[in-house]
C-alpha atoms as a PDB file:
ATOM      1  CA  UNK A   1      25.389  73.674 -58.683  1.00  0.00           C
ATOM      2  CA  UNK A   2      24.020  71.588 -55.816  1.00  0.00           C
ATOM      3  CA  UNK A   3      25.711  73.204 -52.836  1.00  0.00           C
ATOM      4  CA  UNK A   4      23.626  72.765 -49.687  1.00  0.00           C
ATOM      5  CA  UNK A   5      21.170  70.312 -51.232  1.00  0.00           C
ATOM      6  CA  UNK A   6      20.347  66.822 -49.965  1.00  0.00           C
ATOM      7  CA  UNK A   7      19.734  64.115 -52.558  1.00  0.00           C
ATOM      8  CA  UNK A   8      18.420  60.552 -52.382  1.00  0.00           C
ATOM      9  CA  UNK A   9      19.442  58.204 -55.201  1.00  0.00           C
ATOM     10  CA  UNK A  10      17.830  54.775 -55.401  1.00  0.00           C
ATOM     11  CA  UNK A  11      19.869  51.901 -56.751  1.00  0.00           C
ATOM     12  CA  UNK A  12      23.066  53.858 -56.130  1.00  0.00           C
ATOM     13  CA  UNK A  13      25.486  51.045 -55.295  1.00  0.00           C
ATOM     14  CA  UNK A  14      26.514  50.534 -58.935  1.00  0.00           C
ATOM     15  CA  UNK A  15      25.962  51.570 -62.538  1.00  0.00           C
ATOM     16  CA  UNK A  16      24.255  54.827 -63.403  1.00  0.00           C
ATOM     17  CA  UNK A  17      23.034  55.374 -59.837  1.00  0.00           C
ATOM     18  CA  UNK A  18      26.545  55.142 -58.434  1.00  0.00           C
ATOM     19  CA  UNK A  19      27.847  57.734 -60.883  1.00  0.00           C
ATOM     20  CA  UNK A  20      24.898  60.053 -60.233  1.00  0.00           C
ATOM     21  CA  UNK A  21      25.652  59.883 -56.497  1.00  0.00           C
ATOM     22  CA  UNK A  22      29.295  60.758 -57.122  1.00  0.00           C
ATOM     23  CA  UNK A  23      28.458  63.621 -59.496  1.00  0.00           C
ATOM     24  CA  UNK A  24      25.955  65.074 -57.038  1.00  0.00           C
ATOM     25  CA  UNK A  25      28.543  64.997 -54.271  1.00  0.00           C
ATOM     26  CA  UNK A  26      31.113  66.586 -56.577  1.00  0.00           C
ATOM     27  CA  UNK A  27      28.634  69.422 -57.145  1.00  0.00           C
ATOM     28  CA  UNK A  28      28.164  69.940 -53.392  1.00  0.00           C
ATOM     29  CA  UNK A  29      25.229  67.754 -52.392  1.00  0.00           C
ATOM     30  CA  UNK A  30      24.918  65.474 -49.389  1.00  0.00           C
ATOM     31  CA  UNK A  31      23.712  62.063 -50.493  1.00  0.00           C
ATOM     32  CA  UNK A  32      21.575  59.159 -49.336  1.00  0.00           C
ATOM     33  CA  UNK A  33      22.850  56.060 -51.145  1.00  0.00           C
ATOM     34  CA  UNK A  34      20.054  53.525 -51.477  1.00  0.00           C
ATOM     35  CA  UNK A  35      20.739  49.856 -52.147  1.00  0.00           C
ATOM     36  CA  UNK A  36      18.905  46.556 -51.864  1.00  0.00           C
ATOM     37  CA  UNK A  37      21.554  43.817 -51.604  1.00  0.00           C
ATOM     38  CA  UNK A  38      24.961  45.335 -52.404  1.00  0.00           C
ATOM     39  CA  UNK A  39      25.861  46.750 -48.995  1.00  0.00           C
ATOM     40  CA  UNK A  40      29.632  46.605 -49.557  1.00  0.00           C
ATOM     41  CA  UNK A  41      29.400  48.559 -52.802  1.00  0.00           C
ATOM     42  CA  UNK A  42      27.015  51.071 -51.225  1.00  0.00           C
ATOM     43  CA  UNK A  43      29.389  51.710 -48.329  1.00  0.00           C
ATOM     44  CA  UNK A  44      32.217  52.207 -50.827  1.00  0.00           C
ATOM     45  CA  UNK A  45      30.180  54.953 -52.499  1.00  0.00           C
ATOM     46  CA  UNK A  46      29.473  56.535 -49.113  1.00  0.00           C
ATOM     47  CA  UNK A  47      33.173  56.495 -48.217  1.00  0.00           C
ATOM     48  CA  UNK A  48      34.153  58.131 -51.506  1.00  0.00           C
ATOM     49  CA  UNK A  49      31.557  60.862 -51.017  1.00  0.00           C
ATOM     50  CA  UNK A  50      32.746  61.547 -47.477  1.00  0.00           C
ATOM     51  CA  UNK A  51      36.288  61.932 -48.777  1.00  0.00           C
ATOM     52  CA  UNK A  52      34.940  64.776 -50.917  1.00  0.00           C
ATOM     53  CA  UNK A  53      33.886  66.532 -47.733  1.00  0.00           C
ATOM     54  CA  UNK A  54      30.187  65.798 -48.147  1.00  0.00           C
ATOM     55  CA  UNK A  55      27.844  63.906 -45.821  1.00  0.00           C
ATOM     56  CA  UNK A  56      26.536  60.537 -46.958  1.00  0.00           C
ATOM     57  CA  UNK A  57      24.704  57.518 -45.578  1.00  0.00           C
ATOM     58  CA  UNK A  58      23.772  54.153 -47.074  1.00  0.00           C
ATOM     59  CA  UNK A  59      20.162  53.063 -46.577  1.00  0.00           C
ATOM     60  CA  UNK A  60      18.901  49.619 -47.476  1.00  0.00           C
ATOM     61  CA  UNK A  61      15.418  49.453 -48.982  1.00  0.00           C
ATOM     62  CA  UNK A  62      13.680  47.365 -51.613  1.00  0.00           C
ATOM     63  CA  UNK A  63      11.832  49.985 -53.657  1.00  0.00           C
ATOM     64  CA  UNK A  64       9.130  47.457 -54.584  1.00  0.00           C
ATOM     65  CA  UNK A  65       8.096  47.342 -50.909  1.00  0.00           C
ATOM     66  CA  UNK A  66       6.191  50.509 -49.916  1.00  0.00           C
ATOM     67  CA  UNK A  67       6.850  50.004 -46.208  1.00  0.00           C
ATOM     68  CA  UNK A  68      10.610  49.857 -46.790  1.00  0.00           C
ATOM     69  CA  UNK A  69      10.451  52.962 -48.974  1.00  0.00           C
ATOM     70  CA  UNK A  70       8.567  54.800 -46.253  1.00  0.00           C
ATOM     71  CA  UNK A  71      11.198  53.758 -43.715  1.00  0.00           C
ATOM     72  CA  UNK A  72      13.931  55.040 -46.060  1.00  0.00           C
ATOM     73  CA  UNK A  73      12.181  58.401 -46.354  1.00  0.00           C
ATOM     74  CA  UNK A  74      11.852  58.656 -42.576  1.00  0.00           C
ATOM     75  CA  UNK A  75      15.537  57.792 -42.144  1.00  0.00           C
ATOM     76  CA  UNK A  76      16.646  60.342 -44.732  1.00  0.00           C
ATOM     77  CA  UNK A  77      14.657  63.195 -43.202  1.00  0.00           C
ATOM     78  CA  UNK A  78      15.728  62.222 -39.705  1.00  0.00           C
ATOM     79  CA  UNK A  79      19.404  62.230 -40.757  1.00  0.00           C
ATOM     80  CA  UNK A  80      19.434  65.419 -42.841  1.00  0.00           C
ATOM     81  CA  UNK A  81      16.295  67.305 -41.879  1.00  0.00           C
ATOM     82  CA  UNK A  82      15.210  67.701 -45.506  1.00  0.00           C
ATOM     83  CA  UNK A  83      15.512  66.155 -48.950  1.00  0.00           C
ATOM     84  CA  UNK A  84      15.755  68.469 -51.941  1.00  0.00           C
ATOM     85  CA  UNK A  85      16.249  65.924 -54.714  1.00  0.00           C
ATOM     86  CA  UNK A  86      14.978  62.392 -55.306  1.00  0.00           C
ATOM     87  CA  UNK A  87      16.442  60.337 -58.157  1.00  0.00           C
ATOM     88  CA  UNK A  88      14.450  57.197 -58.899  1.00  0.00           C
ATOM     89  CA  UNK A  89      17.123  55.119 -60.585  1.00  0.00           C
ATOM     90  CA  UNK A  90      16.640  51.572 -59.243  1.00  0.00           C
ATOM     91  CA  UNK A  91      15.522  49.171 -61.936  1.00  0.00           C
ATOM     92  CA  UNK A  92      15.722  45.657 -63.332  1.00  0.00           C
ATOM     93  CA  UNK A  93      15.371  44.162 -66.799  1.00  0.00           C
ATOM     94  CA  UNK A  94      13.850  40.923 -68.015  1.00  0.00           C
ATOM     95  CA  UNK A  95      14.569  39.697 -71.539  1.00  0.00           C
ATOM     96  CA  UNK A  96      12.061  37.258 -73.030  1.00  0.00           C
ATOM     97  CA  UNK A  97       9.338  37.248 -75.694  1.00  0.00           C
ATOM     98  CA  UNK A  98       6.037  38.234 -74.148  1.00  0.00           C
ATOM     99  CA  UNK A  99       4.556  34.770 -74.660  1.00  0.00           C
ATOM    100  CA  UNK A 100       7.325  33.421 -72.433  1.00  0.00           C
ATOM    101  CA  UNK A 101       7.028  36.027 -69.670  1.00  0.00           C
ATOM    102  CA  UNK A 102       5.381  34.500 -66.613  1.00  0.00           C
ATOM    103  CA  UNK A 103       2.910  36.530 -64.555  1.00  0.00           C
ATOM    104  CA  UNK A 104       5.424  36.375 -61.693  1.00  0.00           C
ATOM    105  CA  UNK A 105       8.220  37.855 -63.817  1.00  0.00           C
ATOM    106  CA  UNK A 106       5.902  40.526 -65.206  1.00  0.00           C
ATOM    107  CA  UNK A 107       4.895  41.497 -61.677  1.00  0.00           C
ATOM    108  CA  UNK A 108       8.533  41.584 -60.551  1.00  0.00           C
ATOM    109  CA  UNK A 109       9.574  44.023 -63.285  1.00  0.00           C
ATOM    110  CA  UNK A 110       6.548  46.270 -62.834  1.00  0.00           C
ATOM    111  CA  UNK A 111       6.928  46.176 -59.042  1.00  0.00           C
ATOM    112  CA  UNK A 112      10.500  47.471 -59.130  1.00  0.00           C
ATOM    113  CA  UNK A 113      10.528  49.720 -62.191  1.00  0.00           C
ATOM    114  CA  UNK A 114       7.098  51.351 -61.979  1.00  0.00           C
ATOM    115  CA  UNK A 115       5.589  50.723 -58.561  1.00  0.00           C
ATOM    116  CA  UNK A 116       8.928  51.533 -56.936  1.00  0.00           C
ATOM    117  CA  UNK A 117       8.972  54.949 -58.605  1.00  0.00           C
ATOM    118  CA  UNK A 118       5.434  55.650 -57.390  1.00  0.00           C
ATOM    119  CA  UNK A 119       6.184  54.521 -53.839  1.00  0.00           C
ATOM    120  CA  UNK A 120       9.280  56.713 -53.632  1.00  0.00           C
ATOM    121  CA  UNK A 121       7.600  59.743 -55.180  1.00  0.00           C
ATOM    122  CA  UNK A 122       4.728  59.374 -52.737  1.00  0.00           C
ATOM    123  CA  UNK A 123       6.832  58.907 -49.585  1.00  0.00           C
ATOM    124  CA  UNK A 124       9.343  61.629 -50.409  1.00  0.00           C
ATOM    125  CA  UNK A 125       6.933  63.893 -52.282  1.00  0.00           C
ATOM    126  CA  UNK A 126       4.565  64.269 -49.343  1.00  0.00           C
ATOM    127  CA  UNK A 127       7.495  65.436 -47.228  1.00  0.00           C
ATOM    128  CA  UNK A 128       8.878  67.677 -49.986  1.00  0.00           C
ATOM    129  CA  UNK A 129       5.507  69.403 -50.301  1.00  0.00           C
ATOM    130  CA  UNK A 130       5.530  70.075 -46.543  1.00  0.00           C
ATOM    131  CA  UNK A 131       9.032  71.542 -46.709  1.00  0.00           C
ATOM    132  CA  UNK A 132       8.114  73.836 -49.612  1.00  0.00           C
ATOM    133  CA  UNK A 133       9.486  72.158 -52.733  1.00  0.00           C
ATOM    134  CA  UNK A 134      11.935  69.803 -54.370  1.00  0.00           C
ATOM    135  CA  UNK A 135      13.052  68.144 -57.577  1.00  0.00           C
ATOM    136  CA  UNK A 136      12.305  64.550 -58.600  1.00  0.00           C
ATOM    137  CA  UNK A 137      14.179  62.861 -61.444  1.00  0.00           C
ATOM    138  CA  UNK A 138      12.961  59.538 -62.771  1.00  0.00           C
ATOM    139  CA  UNK A 139      15.337  57.381 -64.786  1.00  0.00           C
ATOM    140  CA  UNK A 140      13.161  55.776 -67.456  1.00  0.00           C
ATOM    141  CA  UNK A 141      14.493  54.471 -70.796  1.00  0.00           C
ATOM    142  CA  UNK A 142      14.179  55.029 -74.532  1.00  0.00           C
ATOM    143  CA  UNK A 143      12.517  51.602 -74.370  1.00  0.00           C
ATOM    144  CA  UNK A 144       9.621  53.416 -72.729  1.00  0.00           C
ATOM    145  CA  UNK A 145       8.618  54.946 -76.062  1.00  0.00           C
ATOM    146  CA  UNK A 146      10.320  52.550 -78.520  1.00  0.00           C
ATOM    147  CA  UNK A 147       9.536  48.832 -78.046  1.00  0.00           C
ATOM    148  CA  UNK A 148      12.532  46.753 -76.989  1.00  0.00           C
ATOM    149  CA  UNK A 149      12.501  43.376 -78.704  1.00  0.00           C
ATOM    150  CA  UNK A 150      12.353  40.680 -76.066  1.00  0.00           C
ATOM    151  CA  UNK A 151      11.858  43.274 -73.350  1.00  0.00           C
ATOM    152  CA  UNK A 152       8.130  43.848 -73.266  1.00  0.00           C
ATOM    153  CA  UNK A 153       7.793  43.936 -69.486  1.00  0.00           C
ATOM    154  CA  UNK A 154      10.704  46.374 -69.238  1.00  0.00           C
ATOM    155  CA  UNK A 155       9.331  48.635 -71.998  1.00  0.00           C
ATOM    156  CA  UNK A 156       5.882  48.677 -70.428  1.00  0.00           C
ATOM    157  CA  UNK A 157       7.296  49.564 -67.023  1.00  0.00           C
ATOM    158  CA  UNK A 158       9.380  52.429 -68.420  1.00  0.00           C
ATOM    159  CA  UNK A 159       6.458  53.761 -70.481  1.00  0.00           C
ATOM    160  CA  UNK A 160       4.561  53.883 -67.215  1.00  0.00           C
ATOM    161  CA  UNK A 161       7.368  55.865 -65.613  1.00  0.00           C
ATOM    162  CA  UNK A 162       7.240  58.434 -68.425  1.00  0.00           C
ATOM    163  CA  UNK A 163       3.505  59.123 -68.135  1.00  0.00           C
ATOM    164  CA  UNK A 164       3.686  59.008 -64.325  1.00  0.00           C
ATOM    165  CA  UNK A 165       6.410  61.661 -64.481  1.00  0.00           C
ATOM    166  CA  UNK A 166       4.166  63.965 -66.489  1.00  0.00           C
ATOM    167  CA  UNK A 167       1.134  63.235 -64.325  1.00  0.00           C
ATOM    168  CA  UNK A 168       2.913  64.115 -61.093  1.00  0.00           C
ATOM    169  CA  UNK A 169       4.567  67.166 -62.646  1.00  0.00           C
ATOM    170  CA  UNK A 170       1.126  68.575 -63.458  1.00  0.00           C
ATOM    171  CA  UNK A 171      -0.389  67.717 -60.073  1.00  0.00           C
ATOM    172  CA  UNK A 172       2.528  68.807 -57.920  1.00  0.00           C
ATOM    173  CA  UNK A 173       3.820  71.788 -59.895  1.00  0.00           C
ATOM    174  CA  UNK A 174       1.636  74.210 -57.942  1.00  0.00           C
ATOM    175  CA  UNK A 175       2.989  72.638 -54.756  1.00  0.00           C
ATOM    176  CA  UNK A 176       6.615  73.431 -55.581  1.00  0.00           C
ATOM    177  CA  UNK A 177       7.688  70.021 -56.875  1.00  0.00           C
ATOM    178  CA  UNK A 178       9.373  69.628 -60.251  1.00  0.00           C
ATOM    179  CA  UNK A 179       9.367  66.160 -61.841  1.00  0.00           C
ATOM    180  CA  UNK A 180      11.355  65.213 -64.940  1.00  0.00           C
ATOM    181  CA  UNK A 181      12.475  61.995 -66.619  1.00  0.00           C
ATOM    182  CA  UNK A 182      15.701  60.902 -68.256  1.00  0.00           C
ATOM    183  CA  UNK A 183      15.520  58.163 -70.884  1.00  0.00           C
ATOM    184  CA  UNK A 184      18.951  56.622 -71.402  1.00  0.00           C
ATOM    185  CA  UNK A 185      19.715  54.608 -74.490  1.00  0.00           C
ATOM    186  CA  UNK A 186      22.493  51.993 -74.434  1.00  0.00           C
ATOM    187  CA  UNK A 187      24.811  52.943 -71.558  1.00  0.00           C
ATOM    188  CA  UNK A 188      27.936  50.940 -70.741  1.00  0.00           C
ATOM    189  CA  UNK A 189      27.050  49.434 -67.382  1.00  0.00           C
ATOM    190  CA  UNK A 190      27.252  45.937 -65.935  1.00  0.00           C
ATOM    191  CA  UNK A 191      23.603  45.456 -66.935  1.00  0.00           C
ATOM    192  CA  UNK A 192      24.281  46.248 -70.603  1.00  0.00           C
ATOM    193  CA  UNK A 193      27.440  44.135 -70.717  1.00  0.00           C
ATOM    194  CA  UNK A 194      25.482  41.181 -69.337  1.00  0.00           C
ATOM    195  CA  UNK A 195      22.988  41.469 -72.187  1.00  0.00           C
ATOM    196  CA  UNK A 196      25.388  41.738 -75.149  1.00  0.00           C
ATOM    197  CA  UNK A 197      28.712  40.343 -76.313  1.00  0.00           C
ATOM    198  CA  UNK A 198      31.608  42.694 -77.012  1.00  0.00           C
ATOM    199  CA  UNK A 199      31.079  42.194 -80.739  1.00  0.00           C
ATOM    200  CA  UNK A 200      27.411  43.138 -80.401  1.00  0.00           C
ATOM    201  CA  UNK A 201      28.341  46.232 -78.375  1.00  0.00           C
ATOM    202  CA  UNK A 202      30.750  47.340 -81.128  1.00  0.00           C
ATOM    203  CA  UNK A 203      27.983  46.902 -83.705  1.00  0.00           C
ATOM    204  CA  UNK A 204      25.674  49.033 -81.599  1.00  0.00           C
ATOM    205  CA  UNK A 205      28.339  51.715 -81.445  1.00  0.00           C
ATOM    206  CA  UNK A 206      28.570  51.810 -85.233  1.00  0.00           C
ATOM    207  CA  UNK A 207      24.789  52.145 -85.567  1.00  0.00           C
ATOM    208  CA  UNK A 208      24.541  55.038 -83.103  1.00  0.00           C
ATOM    209  CA  UNK A 209      24.704  58.479 -84.778  1.00  0.00           C
ATOM    210  CA  UNK A 210      27.016  59.780 -82.033  1.00  0.00           C
ATOM    211  CA  UNK A 211      29.447  56.960 -82.868  1.00  0.00           C
ATOM    212  CA  UNK A 212      29.680  55.572 -79.352  1.00  0.00           C
ATOM    213  CA  UNK A 213      27.650  54.044 -76.573  1.00  0.00           C
ATOM    214  CA  UNK A 214      26.610  56.093 -73.611  1.00  0.00           C
ATOM    215  CA  UNK A 215      28.534  56.445 -70.387  1.00  0.00           C
ATOM    216  CA  UNK A 216      26.939  56.767 -66.945  1.00  0.00           C
ATOM    217  CA  UNK A 217      28.400  60.272 -66.757  1.00  0.00           C
ATOM    218  CA  UNK A 218      26.237  61.328 -69.710  1.00  0.00           C
ATOM    219  CA  UNK A 219      23.136  60.605 -67.628  1.00  0.00           C
ATOM    220  CA  UNK A 220      24.588  61.917 -64.377  1.00  0.00           C
ATOM    221  CA  UNK A 221      25.431  65.363 -65.782  1.00  0.00           C
ATOM    222  CA  UNK A 222      21.896  65.852 -67.014  1.00  0.00           C
ATOM    223  CA  UNK A 223      20.595  64.729 -63.627  1.00  0.00           C
ATOM    224  CA  UNK A 224      22.773  67.381 -61.955  1.00  0.00           C
ATOM    225  CA  UNK A 225      21.233  70.062 -64.164  1.00  0.00           C
ATOM    226  CA  UNK A 226      17.675  68.881 -63.485  1.00  0.00           C
ATOM    227  CA  UNK A 227      18.398  68.797 -59.753  1.00  0.00           C
ATOM    228  CA  UNK A 228      19.795  72.323 -59.752  1.00  0.00           C
ATOM    229  CA  UNK A 229      18.091  75.694 -59.596  1.00  0.00           C
ATOM    230  CA  UNK A 230      19.261  76.326 -63.174  1.00  0.00           C
ATOM    231  CA  UNK A 231      16.349  74.139 -64.322  1.00  0.00           C
ATOM    232  CA  UNK A 232      13.734  75.824 -62.116  1.00  0.00           C
ATOM    233  CA  UNK A 233      11.332  76.347 -65.051  1.00  0.00           C
ATOM    234  CA  UNK A 234      11.597  72.768 -66.314  1.00  0.00           C
ATOM    235  CA  UNK A 235       9.058  70.183 -65.218  1.00  0.00           C
ATOM    236  CA  UNK A 236       7.186  67.385 -66.960  1.00  0.00           C
ATOM    237  CA  UNK A 237      10.042  67.083 -69.449  1.00  0.00           C
ATOM    238  CA  UNK A 238      11.404  63.799 -70.823  1.00  0.00           C
ATOM    239  CA  UNK A 239      14.988  63.774 -72.093  1.00  0.00           C
ATOM    240  CA  UNK A 240      16.472  61.095 -74.345  1.00  0.00           C
ATOM    241  CA  UNK A 241      20.161  60.479 -73.707  1.00  0.00           C
ATOM    242  CA  UNK A 242      20.896  58.021 -76.483  1.00  0.00           C
ATOM    243  CA  UNK A 243      23.369  59.520 -78.939  1.00  0.00           C
ATOM    244  CA  UNK A 244      20.591  60.096 -81.475  1.00  0.00           C
ATOM    245  CA  UNK A 245      19.552  56.445 -81.637  1.00  0.00           C
ATOM    246  CA  UNK A 246      15.812  57.061 -81.152  1.00  0.00           C
ATOM    247  CA  UNK A 247      15.794  59.522 -84.061  1.00  0.00           C
ATOM    248  CA  UNK A 248      17.660  57.267 -86.474  1.00  0.00           C
ATOM    249  CA  UNK A 249      14.962  54.958 -87.895  1.00  0.00           C
ATOM    250  CA  UNK A 250      15.802  55.741 -91.526  1.00  0.00           C
ATOM    251  CA  UNK A 251      19.515  55.640 -90.886  1.00  0.00           C
ATOM    252  CA  UNK A 252      19.157  52.133 -89.484  1.00  0.00           C
ATOM    253  CA  UNK A 253      16.951  51.136 -92.412  1.00  0.00           C
ATOM    254  CA  UNK A 254      19.584  52.312 -94.859  1.00  0.00           C
ATOM    255  CA  UNK A 255      22.220  50.299 -93.003  1.00  0.00           C
ATOM    256  CA  UNK A 256      20.080  47.173 -93.301  1.00  0.00           C
ATOM    257  CA  UNK A 257      19.560  47.734 -97.040  1.00  0.00           C
ATOM    258  CA  UNK A 258      23.242  48.087 -97.828  1.00  0.00           C
END
C-alpha cells in the first residue's frame, strides 16, 4: 500500500511509533525514525527496516524545539529527496490533579504534545506543498475529547491536536495535503504499563466493549490506510481506536450500579 513512499515518524524508537515504522516498512515505505534520547532503540528499528529491504535512517530531534524539527526536515529531504507521509506520534503524559500541575509541567506537556505537532506540520508541510502533496497523520488520544482524570494537561494538549488537525486539513486541502488524526484509547505500551498495575489493566479490559486493550498494531494499521492512496478522499477526519470505550458511558454506569 505504501510502495515508493517516504515516511517520517516522530517518537519512533518505542511504543506505537516503533510499530507504525515497522508496519510502514512492511507495506513498502522508506522510513525516517525520529527519536529524542533512545538512540540505541532507534537504530534497532532502522536495522530491522533495512532487513526488510527498505531504506531507513534515525534522526535525533526534540519535537518541542522548532529549530531541531526544521533540521530534521532538512535532513529527511536531503536523504530521500521527498517526504510523502508525516506521522506526529511523539508525546508525553503527566498525571496530576490540575491544582498540583506546575506551570513548568504544563508547558512541558503542551510543548511536546501540541507545539511539537505544529512545528513538524509546519516544517514538513511547507516542503510537502512545494512537492505537490502529502499525508499527515497526528496521533492524538480519546483523552482529547473525554477528560482524563488526573491528566488535564495531557487532555488539553490532545484536544489541541484534534482541532489543529481539522484546521490544517481545511487550509491545506487545496494545496494537496491531507491531515487526519488517530485517537487511541488504552494501548498496551510501556507508557500505559507504567501508569497502571496488572490488576488495573485487567479491570480496564473487562470494561472495554471489545473485551481487550488495544495493541500498537491496531493504531499502526489505521495509520497505513491513512498514509495510502486508498484514503485519498479522507481529510480532517478523527478516528477513535479504543475498542468502543468512548461510546460506552451507559455501559460503564451500569457496571458501577451493579
